[in-house]
Structures are given as C-alpha cells and as structure tokens.
C-alpha atoms as a PDB file:
ATOM      1  CA  MET A   1      74.965 107.317 116.440  1.00  0.00           C
ATOM      2  CA  ILE A   2      75.286 111.083 116.257  1.00  0.00           C
ATOM      3  CA  LYS A   3      72.886 113.183 114.292  1.00  0.00           C
ATOM      4  CA  ASP A   4      73.667 116.072 112.024  1.00  0.00           C
ATOM      5  CA  GLN A   5      71.948 118.283 114.049  1.00  0.00           C
ATOM      6  CA  GLN A   6      73.746 117.457 117.442  1.00  0.00           C
ATOM      7  CA  ALA A   7      77.177 117.880 115.859  1.00  0.00           C
ATOM      8  CA  ALA A   8      75.922 121.228 114.396  1.00  0.00           C
ATOM      9  CA  VAL A   9      75.056 122.302 117.985  1.00  0.00           C
ATOM     10  CA  PHE A  10      77.935 120.981 119.442  1.00  0.00           C
ATOM     11  CA  LEU A  11      80.439 122.962 117.050  1.00  0.00           C
ATOM     12  CA  GLU A  12      78.291 125.967 117.287  1.00  0.00           C
ATOM     13  CA  GLN A  13      78.686 126.008 121.160  1.00  0.00           C
ATOM     14  CA  LEU A  14      82.503 125.549 120.803  1.00  0.00           C
ATOM     15  CA  GLN A  15      82.671 128.257 118.199  1.00  0.00           C
ATOM     16  CA  LEU A  16      81.066 130.669 120.681  1.00  0.00           C
ATOM     17  CA  LEU A  17      83.447 129.630 123.346  1.00  0.00           C
ATOM     18  CA  TYR A  18      86.778 129.143 121.810  1.00  0.00           C
ATOM     19  CA  PRO A  19      86.651 131.098 118.444  1.00  0.00           C
ATOM     20  CA  ALA A  20      90.352 130.871 118.003  1.00  0.00           C
ATOM     21  CA  ALA A  21      90.194 127.336 117.447  1.00  0.00           C
ATOM     22  CA  PHE A  22      88.543 127.795 114.090  1.00  0.00           C
ATOM     23  CA  LYS A  23      91.267 130.313 112.954  1.00  0.00           C
ATOM     24  CA  ARG A  24      94.591 129.582 111.248  1.00  0.00           C
ATOM     25  CA  ASN A  25      94.257 126.161 112.589  1.00  0.00           C
ATOM     26  CA  TYR A  26      94.944 123.369 110.184  1.00  0.00           C
ATOM     27  CA  ILE A  27      94.647 119.714 109.932  1.00  0.00           C
ATOM     28  CA  PHE A  28      97.076 118.020 107.354  1.00  0.00           C
ATOM     29  CA  TYR A  29      95.357 114.801 106.928  1.00  0.00           C
ATOM     30  CA  GLY A  30      92.022 113.793 105.446  1.00  0.00           C
ATOM     31  CA  MET A  31      91.860 116.469 102.845  1.00  0.00           C
ATOM     32  CA  MET A  32      89.636 114.328 100.554  1.00  0.00           C
ATOM     33  CA  LYS A  33      87.011 111.868 101.974  1.00  0.00           C
ATOM     34  CA  THR A  34      85.625 108.895  99.875  1.00  0.00           C
ATOM     35  CA  LYS A  35      82.984 106.438 100.623  1.00  0.00           C
ATOM     36  CA  GLY A  36      84.116 102.635 101.135  1.00  0.00           C
ATOM     37  CA  MET A  37      87.029 101.690  99.500  1.00  0.00           C
ATOM     38  CA  LEU A  38      86.702 102.829  95.873  1.00  0.00           C
ATOM     39  CA  ASP A  39      84.681 106.032  95.439  1.00  0.00           C
ATOM     40  CA  GLU A  40      84.757 106.096  91.583  1.00  0.00           C
ATOM     41  CA  LEU A  41      87.281 108.507  89.800  1.00  0.00           C
ATOM     42  CA  LYS A  42      87.824 110.572  93.139  1.00  0.00           C
ATOM     43  CA  GLU A  43      90.200 107.801  94.049  1.00  0.00           C
ATOM     44  CA  LEU A  44      92.617 108.852  91.303  1.00  0.00           C
ATOM     45  CA  VAL A  45      92.854 112.651  92.504  1.00  0.00           C
ATOM     46  CA  PRO A  46      95.334 112.141  95.274  1.00  0.00           C
ATOM     47  CA  TRP A  47      97.560 109.790  92.808  1.00  0.00           C
ATOM     48  CA  VAL A  48      97.305 112.565  89.995  1.00  0.00           C
ATOM     49  CA  LEU A  49      98.598 115.102  92.655  1.00  0.00           C
ATOM     50  CA  ALA A  50     101.338 112.835  93.820  1.00  0.00           C
ATOM     51  CA  ALA A  51     102.784 112.348  90.212  1.00  0.00           C
ATOM     52  CA  MET A  52     102.185 115.902  89.524  1.00  0.00           C
ATOM     53  CA  ILE A  53     104.250 117.037  92.690  1.00  0.00           C
ATOM     54  CA  PHE A  54     106.621 114.329  93.468  1.00  0.00           C
ATOM     55  CA  VAL A  55     107.345 112.327  90.014  1.00  0.00           C
ATOM     56  CA  SER A  56     107.985 115.859  88.303  1.00  0.00           C
ATOM     57  CA  ILE A  57     110.434 116.992  91.283  1.00  0.00           C
ATOM     58  CA  SER A  58     112.351 113.603  91.279  1.00  0.00           C
ATOM     59  CA  MET A  59     112.739 113.882  87.404  1.00  0.00           C
ATOM     60  CA  SER A  60     113.999 117.556  87.806  1.00  0.00           C
ATOM     61  CA  LEU A  61     116.434 116.685  90.708  1.00  0.00           C
ATOM     62  CA  GLY A  62     117.700 113.556  88.909  1.00  0.00           C
ATOM     63  CA  ALA A  63     118.387 115.461  85.888  1.00  0.00           C
ATOM     64  CA  TYR A  64     120.121 118.378  87.994  1.00  0.00           C
ATOM     65  CA  LEU A  65     122.278 115.592  89.713  1.00  0.00           C
ATOM     66  CA  ALA A  66     123.137 113.995  86.419  1.00  0.00           C
ATOM     67  CA  ALA A  67     124.219 117.039  84.789  1.00  0.00           C
ATOM     68  CA  GLU A  68     126.340 118.544  87.847  1.00  0.00           C
ATOM     69  CA  TRP A  69     128.223 114.839  88.426  1.00  0.00           C
ATOM     70  CA  PRO A  70     128.250 113.124  84.968  1.00  0.00           C
ATOM     71  CA  ASN A  71     130.285 110.499  86.460  1.00  0.00           C
ATOM     72  CA  MET A  72     127.367 109.585  88.888  1.00  0.00           C
ATOM     73  CA  GLY A  73     125.467 107.676  86.063  1.00  0.00           C
ATOM     74  CA  GLU A  74     121.683 108.376  85.043  1.00  0.00           C
ATOM     75  CA  PHE A  75     120.180 105.513  87.257  1.00  0.00           C
ATOM     76  CA  ARG A  76     122.320 106.388  90.583  1.00  0.00           C
ATOM     77  CA  ALA A  77     121.216 110.126  90.035  1.00  0.00           C
ATOM     78  CA  ASN A  78     117.568 109.461  89.667  1.00  0.00           C
ATOM     79  CA  GLY A  79     118.026 106.984  92.752  1.00  0.00           C
ATOM     80  CA  LEU A  80     119.264 109.547  94.923  1.00  0.00           C
ATOM     81  CA  ALA A  81     116.404 112.029  93.633  1.00  0.00           C
ATOM     82  CA  VAL A  82     113.872 109.537  94.606  1.00  0.00           C
ATOM     83  CA  LEU A  83     115.749 108.826  97.873  1.00  0.00           C
ATOM     84  CA  ALA A  84     115.446 112.433  98.884  1.00  0.00           C
ATOM     85  CA  ILE A  85     111.850 112.318  98.433  1.00  0.00           C
ATOM     86  CA  MET A  86     111.490 109.306 100.358  1.00  0.00           C
ATOM     87  CA  LEU A  87     113.498 111.018 103.208  1.00  0.00           C
ATOM     88  CA  PHE A  88     111.236 114.068 103.025  1.00  0.00           C
ATOM     89  CA  PHE A  89     108.345 111.973 103.645  1.00  0.00           C
ATOM     90  CA  MET A  90     109.884 110.411 106.318  1.00  0.00           C
ATOM     91  CA  LEU A  91     110.677 113.848 108.091  1.00  0.00           C
ATOM     92  CA  ALA A  92     107.007 114.959 107.486  1.00  0.00           C
ATOM     93  CA  VAL A  93     104.822 111.628 108.297  1.00  0.00           C
ATOM     94  CA  PRO A  94     105.887 111.586 112.088  1.00  0.00           C
ATOM     95  CA  LEU A  95     104.656 115.368 112.178  1.00  0.00           C
ATOM     96  CA  ILE A  96     101.474 114.410 110.666  1.00  0.00           C
ATOM     97  CA  ILE A  97     101.048 111.456 112.940  1.00  0.00           C
ATOM     98  CA  LYS A  98     101.718 113.539 115.955  1.00  0.00           C
ATOM     99  CA  GLN A  99      98.870 115.900 114.737  1.00  0.00           C
ATOM    100  CA  MET A 100      96.755 113.014 114.236  1.00  0.00           C
ATOM    101  CA  LYS A 101      97.345 111.267 117.592  1.00  0.00           C
ATOM    102  CA  HIS A 102      95.813 114.410 119.353  1.00  0.00           C
ATOM    103  CA  SER A 103      92.731 114.767 117.039  1.00  0.00           C
ATOM    104  CA  SER A 104      91.645 111.676 115.828  1.00  0.00           C
ATOM    105  CA  ILE A 105      91.854 108.139 117.835  1.00  0.00           C
ATOM    106  CA  SER A 106      90.961 105.548 115.123  1.00  0.00           C
ATOM    107  CA  LEU A 107      92.916 107.096 112.190  1.00  0.00           C
ATOM    108  CA  TYR A 108      95.942 107.158 114.490  1.00  0.00           C
ATOM    109  CA  LYS A 109      95.617 103.496 115.275  1.00  0.00           C
ATOM    110  CA  GLN A 110      95.409 102.918 111.556  1.00  0.00           C
ATOM    111  CA  LEU A 111      98.395 104.933 110.496  1.00  0.00           C
ATOM    112  CA  ARG A 112     100.712 105.123 113.560  1.00  0.00           C
ATOM    113  CA  ASN A 113     103.062 102.442 111.992  1.00  0.00           C
ATOM    114  CA  THR A 114     103.582 104.390 108.774  1.00  0.00           C
ATOM    115  CA  PRO A 115     107.176 105.525 109.616  1.00  0.00           C
ATOM    116  CA  ILE A 116     108.171 101.928 110.113  1.00  0.00           C
ATOM    117  CA  LYS A 117     106.975 101.101 106.733  1.00  0.00           C
ATOM    118  CA  LEU A 118     108.797 104.321 104.953  1.00  0.00           C
ATOM    119  CA  ALA A 119     112.063 103.319 106.958  1.00  0.00           C
ATOM    120  CA  GLY A 120     112.039  99.698 105.231  1.00  0.00           C
ATOM    121  CA  ILE A 121     111.417 101.483 101.919  1.00  0.00           C
ATOM    122  CA  ILE A 122     114.032 103.774 102.481  1.00  0.00           C
ATOM    123  CA  LEU A 123     116.707 101.130 103.414  1.00  0.00           C
ATOM    124  CA  LEU A 124     115.575  98.874 100.331  1.00  0.00           C
ATOM    125  CA  GLN A 125     115.913 102.027  97.881  1.00  0.00           C
ATOM    126  CA  ALA A 126     119.679 102.546  99.263  1.00  0.00           C
ATOM    127  CA  LEU A 127     120.517  98.910  98.892  1.00  0.00           C
ATOM    128  CA  ASN A 128     119.001  99.211  95.477  1.00  0.00           C
ATOM    129  CA  ILE A 129     121.199 102.521  94.661  1.00  0.00           C
ATOM    130  CA  ALA A 130     124.344 100.769  95.894  1.00  0.00           C
ATOM    131  CA  TYR A 131     124.029  97.050  94.815  1.00  0.00           C
ATOM    132  CA  ILE A 132     120.854  95.852  92.910  1.00  0.00           C
ATOM    133  CA  GLU A 133     120.544  98.908  90.571  1.00  0.00           C
ATOM    134  CA  SER A 134     117.047  97.715  89.357  1.00  0.00           C
ATOM    135  CA  SER A 135     114.769 100.709  87.578  1.00  0.00           C
ATOM    136  CA  PHE A 136     111.684  98.455  88.263  1.00  0.00           C
ATOM    137  CA  MET A 137     112.384  97.738  91.904  1.00  0.00           C
ATOM    138  CA  GLN A 138     112.697 101.346  92.076  1.00  0.00           C
ATOM    139  CA  SER A 139     109.432 102.194  90.384  1.00  0.00           C
ATOM    140  CA  VAL A 140     107.662  99.971  92.896  1.00  0.00           C
ATOM    141  CA  LEU A 141     109.513 101.535  95.947  1.00  0.00           C
ATOM    142  CA  PHE A 142     108.763 104.861  94.853  1.00  0.00           C
ATOM    143  CA  PHE A 143     105.085 103.957  94.322  1.00  0.00           C
ATOM    144  CA  PHE A 144     104.733 102.594  97.894  1.00  0.00           C
ATOM    145  CA  ALA A 145     106.541 105.573  99.421  1.00  0.00           C
ATOM    146  CA  MET A 146     104.011 107.759  97.817  1.00  0.00           C
ATOM    147  CA  SER A 147     101.220 105.543  98.891  1.00  0.00           C
ATOM    148  CA  PHE A 148     102.391 105.545 102.334  1.00  0.00           C
ATOM    149  CA  GLY A 149     103.720 109.094 102.673  1.00  0.00           C
ATOM    150  CA  PHE A 150     101.175 110.972 100.817  1.00  0.00           C
ATOM    151  CA  VAL A 151      98.153 109.193  99.503  1.00  0.00           C
ATOM    152  CA  SER A 152      97.159 107.434 102.818  1.00  0.00           C
ATOM    153  CA  PHE A 153      97.229 110.757 104.594  1.00  0.00           C
ATOM    154  CA  TYR A 154      95.590 112.894 101.907  1.00  0.00           C
ATOM    155  CA  LYS A 155      92.623 110.702 101.274  1.00  0.00           C
ATOM    156  CA  GLU A 156      90.624 109.285 104.118  1.00  0.00           C
ATOM    157  CA  ASN A 157      88.114 106.368 103.066  1.00  0.00           C
ATOM    158  CA  LEU A 158      85.572 103.929 104.237  1.00  0.00           C
ATOM    159  CA  PHE A 159      82.872 106.563 104.983  1.00  0.00           C
ATOM    160  CA  ARG A 160      79.209 105.001 104.833  1.00  0.00           C
ATOM    161  CA  GLU A 161      77.134 105.672 101.905  1.00  0.00           C
ATOM    162  CA  HIS A 162      74.833 107.947 103.679  1.00  0.00           C
ATOM    163  CA  SER A 163      77.512 110.220 104.568  1.00  0.00           C
ATOM    164  CA  ASP A 164      77.601 113.531 102.824  1.00  0.00           C
ATOM    165  CA  SER A 165      79.858 116.949 102.632  1.00  0.00           C
ATOM    166  CA  LEU A 166      78.305 118.497 105.698  1.00  0.00           C
ATOM    167  CA  GLN A 167      79.133 115.291 107.984  1.00  0.00           C
ATOM    168  CA  PHE A 168      82.649 115.484 106.345  1.00  0.00           C
ATOM    169  CA  HIS A 169      82.964 119.197 107.591  1.00  0.00           C
ATOM    170  CA  TYR A 170      81.655 118.532 110.976  1.00  0.00           C
ATOM    171  CA  LEU A 171      84.303 116.000 111.520  1.00  0.00           C
ATOM    172  CA  GLN A 172      86.950 117.913 110.238  1.00  0.00           C
ATOM    173  CA  GLU A 173      85.884 121.114 112.355  1.00  0.00           C
ATOM    174  CA  THR A 174      85.811 118.848 115.478  1.00  0.00           C
ATOM    175  CA  ARG A 175      89.502 117.653 114.715  1.00  0.00           C
ATOM    176  CA  ARG A 176      90.636 121.049 114.370  1.00  0.00           C
ATOM    177  CA  VAL A 177      89.398 121.837 117.807  1.00  0.00           C
ATOM    178  CA  CYS A 178      90.918 118.819 119.176  1.00  0.00           C
ATOM    179  CA  PHE A 179      94.205 119.980 117.925  1.00  0.00           C
ATOM    180  CA  TRP A 180      93.921 123.294 119.277  1.00  0.00           C
ATOM    181  CA  SER A 181      93.176 122.272 122.499  1.00  0.00           C
ATOM    182  CA  TYR A 182      96.098 120.229 122.819  1.00  0.00           C
ATOM    183  CA  LYS A 183      98.314 122.844 121.494  1.00  0.00           C
ATOM    184  CA  GLN A 184      96.851 125.106 124.169  1.00  0.00           C
ATOM    185  CA  ILE A 185      97.794 122.529 126.736  1.00  0.00           C
ATOM    186  CA  LEU A 186     101.267 122.727 125.557  1.00  0.00           C
ATOM    187  CA  LYS A 187     101.461 126.531 125.834  1.00  0.00           C
ATOM    188  CA  THR A 188      99.663 126.501 129.092  1.00  0.00           C
ATOM    189  CA  LYS A 189     102.070 123.972 130.730  1.00  0.00           C
ATOM    190  CA  CYS A 190     105.252 126.117 129.250  1.00  0.00           C
ATOM    191  CA  ARG A 191     103.712 129.355 130.882  1.00  0.00           C
ATOM    192  CA  LEU A 192     102.936 127.483 134.077  1.00  0.00           C
ATOM    193  CA  PHE A 193     106.339 126.380 134.198  1.00  0.00           C
ATOM    194  CA  PHE A 194     107.876 129.848 134.158  1.00  0.00           C
ATOM    195  CA  SER A 195     105.296 131.148 136.455  1.00  0.00           C
ATOM    196  CA  LYS A 196     105.888 129.178 139.724  1.00  0.00           C
ATOM    197  CA  ARG A 197     107.088 132.124 141.415  1.00  0.00           C
ATOM    198  CA  HIS A 198     104.150 133.906 140.982  1.00  0.00           C
ATOM    199  CA  ALA A 199     101.282 132.152 143.233  1.00  0.00           C
ATOM    200  CA  ASP A 200      98.195 133.744 141.701  1.00  0.00           C
ATOM    201  CA  LYS A 201      99.181 133.638 138.138  1.00  0.00           C
ATOM    202  CA  SER A 202     100.386 129.889 138.665  1.00  0.00           C
ATOM    203  CA  LEU A 203      96.891 129.231 140.021  1.00  0.00           C
ATOM    204  CA  PHE A 204      94.812 130.933 137.292  1.00  0.00           C
ATOM    205  CA  LEU A 205      97.148 128.848 135.013  1.00  0.00           C
ATOM    206  CA  LYS A 206      96.220 125.491 136.586  1.00  0.00           C
ATOM    207  CA  GLN A 207      92.619 126.006 136.416  1.00  0.00           C
ATOM    208  CA  GLN A 208      93.092 127.053 132.741  1.00  0.00           C
ATOM    209  CA  LEU A 209      95.046 123.758 132.140  1.00  0.00           C
ATOM    210  CA  LYS A 210      92.206 121.762 133.820  1.00  0.00           C
ATOM    211  CA  GLN A 211      89.602 123.319 131.439  1.00  0.00           C
ATOM    212  CA  LEU A 212      91.751 122.854 128.281  1.00  0.00           C
ATOM    213  CA  GLN A 213      92.358 119.037 129.381  1.00  0.00           C
ATOM    214  CA  GLU A 214      88.693 118.447 129.859  1.00  0.00           C
ATOM    215  CA  LEU A 215      87.950 120.147 126.579  1.00  0.00           C
ATOM    216  CA  HIS A 216      90.394 117.888 124.666  1.00  0.00           C
ATOM    217  CA  ALA A 217      89.122 114.919 126.194  1.00  0.00           C
ATOM    218  CA  GLN A 218      85.584 115.719 125.484  1.00  0.00           C
ATOM    219  CA  THR A 219      86.301 116.683 121.859  1.00  0.00           C
ATOM    220  CA  MET A 220      88.502 113.627 121.322  1.00  0.00           C
ATOM    221  CA  ARG A 221      85.358 111.622 122.569  1.00  0.00           C
ATOM    222  CA  PHE A 222      82.985 113.308 120.378  1.00  0.00           C
ATOM    223  CA  GLU A 223      85.398 113.033 117.069  1.00  0.00           C
ATOM    224  CA  ASN A 224      85.455 109.205 117.815  1.00  0.00           C
ATOM    225  CA  GLN A 225      81.571 108.972 118.004  1.00  0.00           C
ATOM    226  CA  LEU A 226      81.493 111.101 114.735  1.00  0.00           C
ATOM    227  CA  CYS A 227      83.918 108.502 113.198  1.00  0.00           C
ATOM    228  CA  LYS A 228      81.543 105.462 114.319  1.00  0.00           C
ATOM    229  CA  SER A 229      78.444 107.461 113.049  1.00  0.00           C
ATOM    230  CA  PHE A 230      79.894 108.666 109.653  1.00  0.00           C
ATOM    231  CA  LYS A 231      82.295 105.769 108.690  1.00  0.00           C
ATOM    232  CA  HIS A 232      83.315 102.215 109.005  1.00  0.00           C
ATOM    233  CA  ILE A 233      85.987 102.218 111.371  1.00  0.00           C
ATOM    234  CA  ASN A 234      88.234  99.487 109.905  1.00  0.00           C
ATOM    235  CA  LEU A 235      88.140  97.207 106.777  1.00  0.00           C
ATOM    236  CA  GLU A 236      86.529  94.342 108.709  1.00  0.00           C
ATOM    237  CA  THR A 237      83.483  96.535 109.659  1.00  0.00           C
ATOM    238  CA  TYR A 238      83.167  97.719 106.056  1.00  0.00           C
ATOM    239  CA  LEU A 239      83.294  94.158 104.707  1.00  0.00           C
ATOM    240  CA  ASP A 240      80.873  92.906 107.220  1.00  0.00           C
ATOM    241  CA  ASP A 241      78.339  95.767 106.069  1.00  0.00           C
ATOM    242  CA  LEU A 242      78.790  94.661 102.448  1.00  0.00           C
ATOM    243  CA  MET A 243      77.779  91.323 103.556  1.00  0.00           C
ATOM    244  CA  LYS A 244      74.369  92.087 104.768  1.00  0.00           C
END
C-alpha cells in the first residue's frame, strides 16, 4: 500500500526532473472519480453531460437531415444522426484506449474491448435503419453507445471509501507522466531513425531513449501500485470488500 506522502514525494521528484511532463499534457479519461459502484448523485453527472452534448446534437442533426431530404423520412433522418454519433465514438475511443494503454494498466485491461462493443452497436443500428425501423431499439442502442463511448471513460469508479480528492490528483498526475514519457519515447525513436549517420548524436539519443524507457516502466509500475492502494481493481474485489 502506497501512502499519500510517498506519492507526493514521488511526484515532486518527477516534477523537478521532468517539468515538461506536467505542462499541456492531458489525459482524456477518468475525469470524474467515484467511490464504489454508486456514489450518490455524482453518478448522474456524466449522463447529464452526455444528454446535453450528444442527444442535443443528434436531435439537431436529425432535424437538419429531415429538412434537407424530406423524402428520407423522420425516423431514418434521426437514425442516421444517431449513427453518425456512434461512428464518432468509434473514431475517438481507440485513441483514448491507446492513451490508456500507456498510462494505466488496470483500466486498459478493463476497457480495451470497448471498440468491439461499439462495432456491434453500430451494426445493429445500421440494420435497424435499413430493415427494423424501431424507435425503441434505436433509443436502447443510443443509450449503450453513450455508455461505452463516453460515460465509461469520463467516469472512473470502484475507488475505496477512504480515498479522497488528493489521492485522485496523485493518480491522475502519475498517469500524465506515464503518457508523457511514452510520447517522448516515440519522438526519440523518430529522431534516432533520422540521425543514424551522426554517431555522437545517435549515441546520445540511445542513452536518452533508455532513460525514457526506464522512466515509463517505473511510472507505470507506480500507477498500478496507486490503483491497488486507492481503488478496487475490479468488481470482484469490490464485492469481496463489501462482504467483509
């Protein structure tokens, strides 16, 4: 178990050594962290945001399509609007999962199959538009698309009862350093590829690459330890804790 003081000291050291890792380096998941499975009214926040953003966009886009192509029909226009949002999720989610893969071991294991789920939803929505034409089915599919494509990434739950906002901050900052070091590895590899003719520069970049790889491995291990200290890694451990 990592104590708050250990996390604070670790991040302070990293900030002194790599200040650039804490500037303009954003993680597009886990924006809201909640305790257990249900954390009172906080659980409604991502759903309210999803409704405000995506439901309103689908209604506006559906109305536009119906006005531009009257022969299309209201259901098909709304269905295509919903399908367009699902396709947007399908484009955005793999990028977020790529970010997650290099900054959070446990969350990546939990959410890495999300694109497959979204692909199934998109296929069902296409069949619904073409053949079934069910408004109820479309509503259900849209609900699951927002759940998999937005809510599951915006909200991170299963945190322990003793966790607090400071611990959430430590975890998120560690993830930022993880992803920053991964990006620096890619940049250094690219520079190394174009500097093969310069022996001195190539040697320097190889040493820098090794340091960055060690930093990434170290911060990934630390992030995983923080997750084990501050949250339940999966639903099974959460239920086991409730039974105690």
